[in-house]
C-alpha atoms as a PDB file:
ATOM      1  CA  UNK A   1      -0.043 -17.421  -7.646  1.00  0.00           C
ATOM      2  CA  UNK A   2      -1.711 -18.686  -4.360  1.00  0.00           C
ATOM      3  CA  UNK A   3       0.917 -20.954  -3.359  1.00  0.00           C
ATOM      4  CA  UNK A   4       3.544 -18.582  -4.085  1.00  0.00           C
ATOM      5  CA  UNK A   5       1.563 -16.104  -1.741  1.00  0.00           C
ATOM      6  CA  UNK A   6       1.669 -18.849   0.783  1.00  0.00           C
ATOM      7  CA  UNK A   7       4.948 -19.704   1.016  1.00  0.00           C
ATOM      8  CA  UNK A   8       6.023 -15.854   1.339  1.00  0.00           C
ATOM      9  CA  UNK A   9       3.740 -15.772   3.987  1.00  0.00           C
ATOM     10  CA  UNK A  10       4.739 -18.738   6.021  1.00  0.00           C
ATOM     11  CA  UNK A  11       8.604 -17.351   5.658  1.00  0.00           C
ATOM     12  CA  UNK A  12       6.753 -14.082   7.579  1.00  0.00           C
ATOM     13  CA  UNK A  13       4.953 -16.284  10.046  1.00  0.00           C
ATOM     14  CA  UNK A  14       2.090 -15.395   8.797  1.00  0.00           C
ATOM     15  CA  UNK A  15      -1.402 -17.631   7.279  1.00  0.00           C
ATOM     16  CA  UNK A  16      -3.139 -16.706   4.691  1.00  0.00           C
ATOM     17  CA  UNK A  17      -6.030 -15.919   7.310  1.00  0.00           C
ATOM     18  CA  UNK A  18      -4.025 -13.048   8.762  1.00  0.00           C
ATOM     19  CA  UNK A  19      -2.948 -11.802   5.182  1.00  0.00           C
ATOM     20  CA  UNK A  20      -6.776 -11.539   4.114  1.00  0.00           C
ATOM     21  CA  UNK A  21      -7.653 -10.015   7.366  1.00  0.00           C
ATOM     22  CA  UNK A  22      -5.480  -7.156   6.962  1.00  0.00           C
ATOM     23  CA  UNK A  23      -6.288  -6.568   3.378  1.00  0.00           C
ATOM     24  CA  UNK A  24     -10.346  -6.594   3.834  1.00  0.00           C
ATOM     25  CA  UNK A  25      -9.553  -4.111   6.757  1.00  0.00           C
ATOM     26  CA  UNK A  26      -7.252  -1.830   4.580  1.00  0.00           C
ATOM     27  CA  UNK A  27      -9.895  -1.865   1.494  1.00  0.00           C
ATOM     28  CA  UNK A  28     -12.715  -1.488   3.818  1.00  0.00           C
ATOM     29  CA  UNK A  29     -11.358   1.260   6.279  1.00  0.00           C
ATOM     30  CA  UNK A  30      -8.614   2.494   3.888  1.00  0.00           C
ATOM     31  CA  UNK A  31      -6.450   3.236   6.763  1.00  0.00           C
ATOM     32  CA  UNK A  32      -4.351   1.778   9.857  1.00  0.00           C
ATOM     33  CA  UNK A  33      -3.374   4.028  12.915  1.00  0.00           C
ATOM     34  CA  UNK A  34      -1.318   1.987  15.170  1.00  0.00           C
ATOM     35  CA  UNK A  35      -2.405   4.450  18.209  1.00  0.00           C
ATOM     36  CA  UNK A  36      -6.247   4.030  17.325  1.00  0.00           C
ATOM     37  CA  UNK A  37      -6.801   0.954  19.295  1.00  0.00           C
ATOM     38  CA  UNK A  38      -5.120  -2.461  20.378  1.00  0.00           C
ATOM     39  CA  UNK A  39      -6.814  -3.880  17.281  1.00  0.00           C
ATOM     40  CA  UNK A  40      -5.183  -1.509  14.956  1.00  0.00           C
ATOM     41  CA  UNK A  41      -1.949  -1.943  16.462  1.00  0.00           C
ATOM     42  CA  UNK A  42      -1.821  -5.380  15.767  1.00  0.00           C
ATOM     43  CA  UNK A  43      -3.158  -5.160  12.083  1.00  0.00           C
ATOM     44  CA  UNK A  44      -0.326  -2.598  11.729  1.00  0.00           C
ATOM     45  CA  UNK A  45       2.265  -4.473  12.986  1.00  0.00           C
ATOM     46  CA  UNK A  46       1.024  -7.376  10.707  1.00  0.00           C
ATOM     47  CA  UNK A  47       1.136  -4.925   7.809  1.00  0.00           C
ATOM     48  CA  UNK A  48       5.033  -4.241   8.778  1.00  0.00           C
ATOM     49  CA  UNK A  49       5.396  -7.858   8.619  1.00  0.00           C
ATOM     50  CA  UNK A  50       4.099  -8.219   4.905  1.00  0.00           C
ATOM     51  CA  UNK A  51       4.335  -4.942   3.565  1.00  0.00           C
ATOM     52  CA  UNK A  52       5.878  -5.880   0.388  1.00  0.00           C
ATOM     53  CA  UNK A  53       3.126  -8.389  -0.298  1.00  0.00           C
ATOM     54  CA  UNK A  54       0.471  -6.104   0.581  1.00  0.00           C
ATOM     55  CA  UNK A  55       1.990  -3.462  -1.827  1.00  0.00           C
ATOM     56  CA  UNK A  56       2.545  -6.130  -4.516  1.00  0.00           C
ATOM     57  CA  UNK A  57      -1.183  -7.302  -3.980  1.00  0.00           C
ATOM     58  CA  UNK A  58      -2.403  -4.105  -4.367  1.00  0.00           C
ATOM     59  CA  UNK A  59      -0.350  -2.485  -7.047  1.00  0.00           C
ATOM     60  CA  UNK A  60      -2.054  -4.842  -9.624  1.00  0.00           C
ATOM     61  CA  UNK A  61      -5.309  -3.128  -8.362  1.00  0.00           C
ATOM     62  CA  UNK A  62      -3.351  -0.277  -9.190  1.00  0.00           C
ATOM     63  CA  UNK A  63      -4.291   0.679  -5.608  1.00  0.00           C
ATOM     64  CA  UNK A  64      -1.340   2.621  -3.785  1.00  0.00           C
ATOM     65  CA  UNK A  65      -0.074   2.648  -0.382  1.00  0.00           C
ATOM     66  CA  UNK A  66       1.617   5.493   1.700  1.00  0.00           C
ATOM     67  CA  UNK A  67       3.460   4.521   4.794  1.00  0.00           C
ATOM     68  CA  UNK A  68       4.308   6.740   7.379  1.00  0.00           C
ATOM     69  CA  UNK A  69       6.190   5.280   9.826  1.00  0.00           C
ATOM     70  CA  UNK A  70       6.510   8.222  11.819  1.00  0.00           C
ATOM     71  CA  UNK A  71       3.345   8.464  12.879  1.00  0.00           C
ATOM     72  CA  UNK A  72       2.681   4.586  12.518  1.00  0.00           C
ATOM     73  CA  UNK A  73       0.217   5.257   9.613  1.00  0.00           C
ATOM     74  CA  UNK A  74      -0.876   3.118   6.478  1.00  0.00           C
ATOM     75  CA  UNK A  75      -3.531   4.669   3.809  1.00  0.00           C
ATOM     76  CA  UNK A  76      -4.502   3.286   0.504  1.00  0.00           C
ATOM     77  CA  UNK A  77      -5.513   5.245  -2.206  1.00  0.00           C
ATOM     78  CA  UNK A  78      -7.512   4.355  -5.195  1.00  0.00           C
ATOM     79  CA  UNK A  79      -6.668   4.613  -8.850  1.00  0.00           C
ATOM     80  CA  UNK A  80      -6.165   8.220 -10.300  1.00  0.00           C
ATOM     81  CA  UNK A  81      -5.747   9.819  -6.485  1.00  0.00           C
ATOM     82  CA  UNK A  82      -3.082  12.318  -6.165  1.00  0.00           C
ATOM     83  CA  UNK A  83      -0.827  11.198  -3.227  1.00  0.00           C
ATOM     84  CA  UNK A  84       1.217  13.449  -1.147  1.00  0.00           C
ATOM     85  CA  UNK A  85       4.651  12.110  -1.388  1.00  0.00           C
ATOM     86  CA  UNK A  86       4.223   9.482  -4.138  1.00  0.00           C
ATOM     87  CA  UNK A  87       4.688   9.970  -7.900  1.00  0.00           C
ATOM     88  CA  UNK A  88       1.466  10.549  -9.761  1.00  0.00           C
ATOM     89  CA  UNK A  89       0.319   7.542 -11.593  1.00  0.00           C
ATOM     90  CA  UNK A  90      -0.421   8.040 -15.329  1.00  0.00           C
ATOM     91  CA  UNK A  91      -3.745   6.603 -15.731  1.00  0.00           C
ATOM     92  CA  UNK A  92      -7.064   7.494 -16.899  1.00  0.00           C
ATOM     93  CA  UNK A  93      -9.132   6.022 -14.129  1.00  0.00           C
ATOM     94  CA  UNK A  94     -12.176   7.667 -12.586  1.00  0.00           C
ATOM     95  CA  UNK A  95     -13.255   8.157  -8.984  1.00  0.00           C
ATOM     96  CA  UNK A  96     -15.659   5.298  -9.093  1.00  0.00           C
ATOM     97  CA  UNK A  97     -13.855   3.811  -6.250  1.00  0.00           C
ATOM     98  CA  UNK A  98     -12.922   6.847  -4.285  1.00  0.00           C
ATOM     99  CA  UNK A  99     -14.929   7.475  -1.200  1.00  0.00           C
ATOM    100  CA  UNK A 100     -17.576  10.237  -1.926  1.00  0.00           C
ATOM    101  CA  UNK A 101     -17.576  12.871   0.695  1.00  0.00           C
ATOM    102  CA  UNK A 102     -19.961  15.578   1.026  1.00  0.00           C
ATOM    103  CA  UNK A 103     -19.432  19.424   0.353  1.00  0.00           C
ATOM    104  CA  UNK A 104     -19.538  20.188   4.068  1.00  0.00           C
ATOM    105  CA  UNK A 105     -16.769  17.493   5.149  1.00  0.00           C
ATOM    106  CA  UNK A 106     -14.566  18.529   2.474  1.00  0.00           C
ATOM    107  CA  UNK A 107     -14.527  21.581   3.747  1.00  0.00           C
ATOM    108  CA  UNK A 108     -14.024  21.121   7.045  1.00  0.00           C
ATOM    109  CA  UNK A 109     -11.005  18.695   5.971  1.00  0.00           C
ATOM    110  CA  UNK A 110      -9.436  21.798   4.283  1.00  0.00           C
ATOM    111  CA  UNK A 111      -9.682  24.126   7.461  1.00  0.00           C
ATOM    112  CA  UNK A 112      -8.586  21.489   9.548  1.00  0.00           C
ATOM    113  CA  UNK A 113      -5.553  21.070   7.207  1.00  0.00           C
ATOM    114  CA  UNK A 114      -4.814  25.008   6.946  1.00  0.00           C
ATOM    115  CA  UNK A 115      -4.785  24.806  10.911  1.00  0.00           C
ATOM    116  CA  UNK A 116      -2.419  21.866  11.114  1.00  0.00           C
ATOM    117  CA  UNK A 117      -0.033  24.120   8.909  1.00  0.00           C
ATOM    118  CA  UNK A 118      -0.431  27.213  10.781  1.00  0.00           C
ATOM    119  CA  UNK A 119       0.636  25.469  14.037  1.00  0.00           C
ATOM    120  CA  UNK A 120       3.343  23.733  12.031  1.00  0.00           C
ATOM    121  CA  UNK A 121       4.645  26.893  11.503  1.00  0.00           C
ATOM    122  CA  UNK A 122       4.149  28.321  14.968  1.00  0.00           C
ATOM    123  CA  UNK A 123       5.764  25.264  16.647  1.00  0.00           C
ATOM    124  CA  UNK A 124       2.773  24.397  18.435  1.00  0.00           C
ATOM    125  CA  UNK A 125       2.884  20.571  17.358  1.00  0.00           C
ATOM    126  CA  UNK A 126       3.224  17.879  20.224  1.00  0.00           C
ATOM    127  CA  UNK A 127       5.983  15.055  20.128  1.00  0.00           C
ATOM    128  CA  UNK A 128       3.410  12.768  18.510  1.00  0.00           C
ATOM    129  CA  UNK A 129       2.635  15.394  15.634  1.00  0.00           C
ATOM    130  CA  UNK A 130      -0.583  16.409  16.826  1.00  0.00           C
ATOM    131  CA  UNK A 131      -2.218  19.575  17.097  1.00  0.00           C
ATOM    132  CA  UNK A 132      -4.984  20.772  19.640  1.00  0.00           C
ATOM    133  CA  UNK A 133      -7.527  23.097  18.672  1.00  0.00           C
ATOM    134  CA  UNK A 134     -10.640  24.485  20.287  1.00  0.00           C
ATOM    135  CA  UNK A 135     -14.093  23.951  18.897  1.00  0.00           C
ATOM    136  CA  UNK A 136     -14.864  27.900  19.375  1.00  0.00           C
ATOM    137  CA  UNK A 137     -11.765  28.260  17.147  1.00  0.00           C
ATOM    138  CA  UNK A 138     -12.459  25.603  14.660  1.00  0.00           C
ATOM    139  CA  UNK A 139     -15.688  27.540  13.935  1.00  0.00           C
ATOM    140  CA  UNK A 140     -13.860  31.063  13.523  1.00  0.00           C
ATOM    141  CA  UNK A 141     -11.514  29.444  11.135  1.00  0.00           C
ATOM    142  CA  UNK A 142     -14.270  28.037   9.000  1.00  0.00           C
ATOM    143  CA  UNK A 143     -16.003  31.389   9.272  1.00  0.00           C
ATOM    144  CA  UNK A 144     -12.537  33.155   8.142  1.00  0.00           C
ATOM    145  CA  UNK A 145     -11.591  30.829   5.716  1.00  0.00           C
ATOM    146  CA  UNK A 146     -14.830  29.411   4.117  1.00  0.00           C
ATOM    147  CA  UNK A 147     -17.447  32.454   5.435  1.00  0.00           C
ATOM    148  CA  UNK A 148     -19.683  29.371   6.708  1.00  0.00           C
ATOM    149  CA  UNK A 149     -19.962  28.282  10.377  1.00  0.00           C
ATOM    150  CA  UNK A 150     -20.006  24.688  11.678  1.00  0.00           C
ATOM    151  CA  UNK A 151     -23.367  23.241  11.544  1.00  0.00           C
ATOM    152  CA  UNK A 152     -25.816  24.499  14.289  1.00  0.00           C
ATOM    153  CA  UNK A 153     -27.599  21.250  14.796  1.00  0.00           C
ATOM    154  CA  UNK A 154     -25.712  19.285  17.495  1.00  0.00           C
ATOM    155  CA  UNK A 155     -26.469  16.010  15.633  1.00  0.00           C
ATOM    156  CA  UNK A 156     -25.504  17.274  12.375  1.00  0.00           C
ATOM    157  CA  UNK A 157     -22.254  18.630  14.164  1.00  0.00           C
ATOM    158  CA  UNK A 158     -21.588  15.323  15.629  1.00  0.00           C
ATOM    159  CA  UNK A 159     -21.934  13.508  12.717  1.00  0.00           C
ATOM    160  CA  UNK A 160     -19.517  15.474  10.579  1.00  0.00           C
ATOM    161  CA  UNK A 161     -16.818  14.985  13.521  1.00  0.00           C
ATOM    162  CA  UNK A 162     -17.718  11.415  13.751  1.00  0.00           C
ATOM    163  CA  UNK A 163     -16.814  10.801   9.891  1.00  0.00           C
ATOM    164  CA  UNK A 164     -13.429  12.795  10.343  1.00  0.00           C
ATOM    165  CA  UNK A 165     -12.884  10.556  13.042  1.00  0.00           C
ATOM    166  CA  UNK A 166     -13.201   7.712  11.383  1.00  0.00           C
ATOM    167  CA  UNK A 167     -10.663   8.767   8.565  1.00  0.00           C
ATOM    168  CA  UNK A 168      -8.289   8.887  11.631  1.00  0.00           C
ATOM    169  CA  UNK A 169      -8.247  12.987  10.844  1.00  0.00           C
ATOM    170  CA  UNK A 170      -8.958  14.061  14.648  1.00  0.00           C
ATOM    171  CA  UNK A 171      -9.386  12.547  18.102  1.00  0.00           C
ATOM    172  CA  UNK A 172     -12.469  14.399  19.771  1.00  0.00           C
ATOM    173  CA  UNK A 173     -14.201  14.290  23.282  1.00  0.00           C
ATOM    174  CA  UNK A 174     -17.488  12.518  23.775  1.00  0.00           C
ATOM    175  CA  UNK A 175     -20.530  14.055  22.328  1.00  0.00           C
ATOM    176  CA  UNK A 176     -21.583  15.604  25.814  1.00  0.00           C
ATOM    177  CA  UNK A 177     -18.390  17.705  25.592  1.00  0.00           C
ATOM    178  CA  UNK A 178     -18.865  18.530  21.847  1.00  0.00           C
ATOM    179  CA  UNK A 179     -22.602  19.758  22.815  1.00  0.00           C
ATOM    180  CA  UNK A 180     -21.134  21.960  25.291  1.00  0.00           C
ATOM    181  CA  UNK A 181     -19.410  23.966  22.767  1.00  0.00           C
ATOM    182  CA  UNK A 182     -16.110  24.429  24.833  1.00  0.00           C
ATOM    183  CA  UNK A 183     -14.483  20.721  23.690  1.00  0.00           C
ATOM    184  CA  UNK A 184     -10.721  20.536  21.954  1.00  0.00           C
ATOM    185  CA  UNK A 185     -10.029  18.414  19.290  1.00  0.00           C
ATOM    186  CA  UNK A 186      -6.717  17.182  18.380  1.00  0.00           C
ATOM    187  CA  UNK A 187      -5.755  17.278  14.729  1.00  0.00           C
ATOM    188  CA  UNK A 188      -3.771  14.192  13.937  1.00  0.00           C
ATOM    189  CA  UNK A 189      -0.675  14.204  11.376  1.00  0.00           C
ATOM    190  CA  UNK A 190      -2.323  11.741   8.878  1.00  0.00           C
ATOM    191  CA  UNK A 191      -4.170  14.937   7.430  1.00  0.00           C
ATOM    192  CA  UNK A 192      -1.161  15.840   5.855  1.00  0.00           C
ATOM    193  CA  UNK A 193      -1.202  12.427   3.711  1.00  0.00           C
ATOM    194  CA  UNK A 194      -4.731  13.027   2.710  1.00  0.00           C
ATOM    195  CA  UNK A 195      -4.844  16.653   2.152  1.00  0.00           C
ATOM    196  CA  UNK A 196      -2.451  17.728  -0.713  1.00  0.00           C
ATOM    197  CA  UNK A 197      -0.890  21.042  -1.269  1.00  0.00           C
ATOM    198  CA  UNK A 198      -3.158  21.537  -4.391  1.00  0.00           C
ATOM    199  CA  UNK A 199      -5.975  20.852  -2.592  1.00  0.00           C
ATOM    200  CA  UNK A 200      -5.137  23.320   0.083  1.00  0.00           C
ATOM    201  CA  UNK A 201      -5.111  26.079  -2.540  1.00  0.00           C
ATOM    202  CA  UNK A 202      -8.647  25.559  -2.945  1.00  0.00           C
ATOM    203  CA  UNK A 203      -9.243  27.386   0.246  1.00  0.00           C
ATOM    204  CA  UNK A 204      -8.419  30.830  -2.204  1.00  0.00           C
ATOM    205  CA  UNK A 205     -10.797  29.334  -4.646  1.00  0.00           C
ATOM    206  CA  UNK A 206     -14.598  29.947  -4.385  1.00  0.00           C
ATOM    207  CA  UNK A 207     -15.391  26.800  -6.455  1.00  0.00           C
ATOM    208  CA  UNK A 208     -15.800  25.115  -3.025  1.00  0.00           C
ATOM    209  CA  UNK A 209     -18.494  26.958  -2.039  1.00  0.00           C
ATOM    210  CA  UNK A 210     -20.555  27.192  -5.392  1.00  0.00           C
ATOM    211  CA  UNK A 211     -19.772  23.856  -7.013  1.00  0.00           C
ATOM    212  CA  UNK A 212     -22.918  21.851  -6.866  1.00  0.00           C
ATOM    213  CA  UNK A 213     -21.049  18.900  -7.504  1.00  0.00           C
ATOM    214  CA  UNK A 214     -20.071  16.697  -4.462  1.00  0.00           C
ATOM    215  CA  UNK A 215     -16.322  16.704  -3.985  1.00  0.00           C
ATOM    216  CA  UNK A 216     -14.193  13.156  -3.856  1.00  0.00           C
ATOM    217  CA  UNK A 217     -11.879  12.201  -1.278  1.00  0.00           C
ATOM    218  CA  UNK A 218      -8.773  11.010  -2.050  1.00  0.00           C
ATOM    219  CA  UNK A 219      -8.856   8.132  -0.059  1.00  0.00           C
ATOM    220  CA  UNK A 220     -11.254   4.845  -0.003  1.00  0.00           C
ATOM    221  CA  UNK A 221     -12.463   4.888   3.454  1.00  0.00           C
END
């Protein structure tokens, strides 16, 4: 099996080390976005060279890959995750491999998806599929949809937004600008591949506020 893999990699001009580095990054972060950094651009281009090999390798683990070429984005989803754009897998896996997000993170992600959908309907999406949203508008939307505001503690708010940046869901300015309360965020199009329509429907359900269980994200960071 290793010999066959090496052969296919050589055909694509890649080494085993190149492939290993790509797989480790994908499994560790769960996402590659070409416009995030020079490093991610390099790894994303490497994925394009070996996409079939990556998907074959991960399929053995029943991990699925969602590639969105229009956004230069790749996400991997653990067994049992509901993946927009892919046929649901028939399995009985639990959520042991899923990244655990706290209730506050899940709530804010759902609000961001709702705001993204609203911008799509209103034609307020730029040529890169991104949406600009002020921090004040996000706070208002959170209150309207969920009956809760963003964290008042600046450190808690910064940590929350930092987590969403790690998931490649938003871009945000420096912490100093965030603390001013007048900052603007950029909602990235990858939020569509992370938040399903059924998850978005939870905004109409009281469970998101009342449940004592920590929800799990359908992606592995």
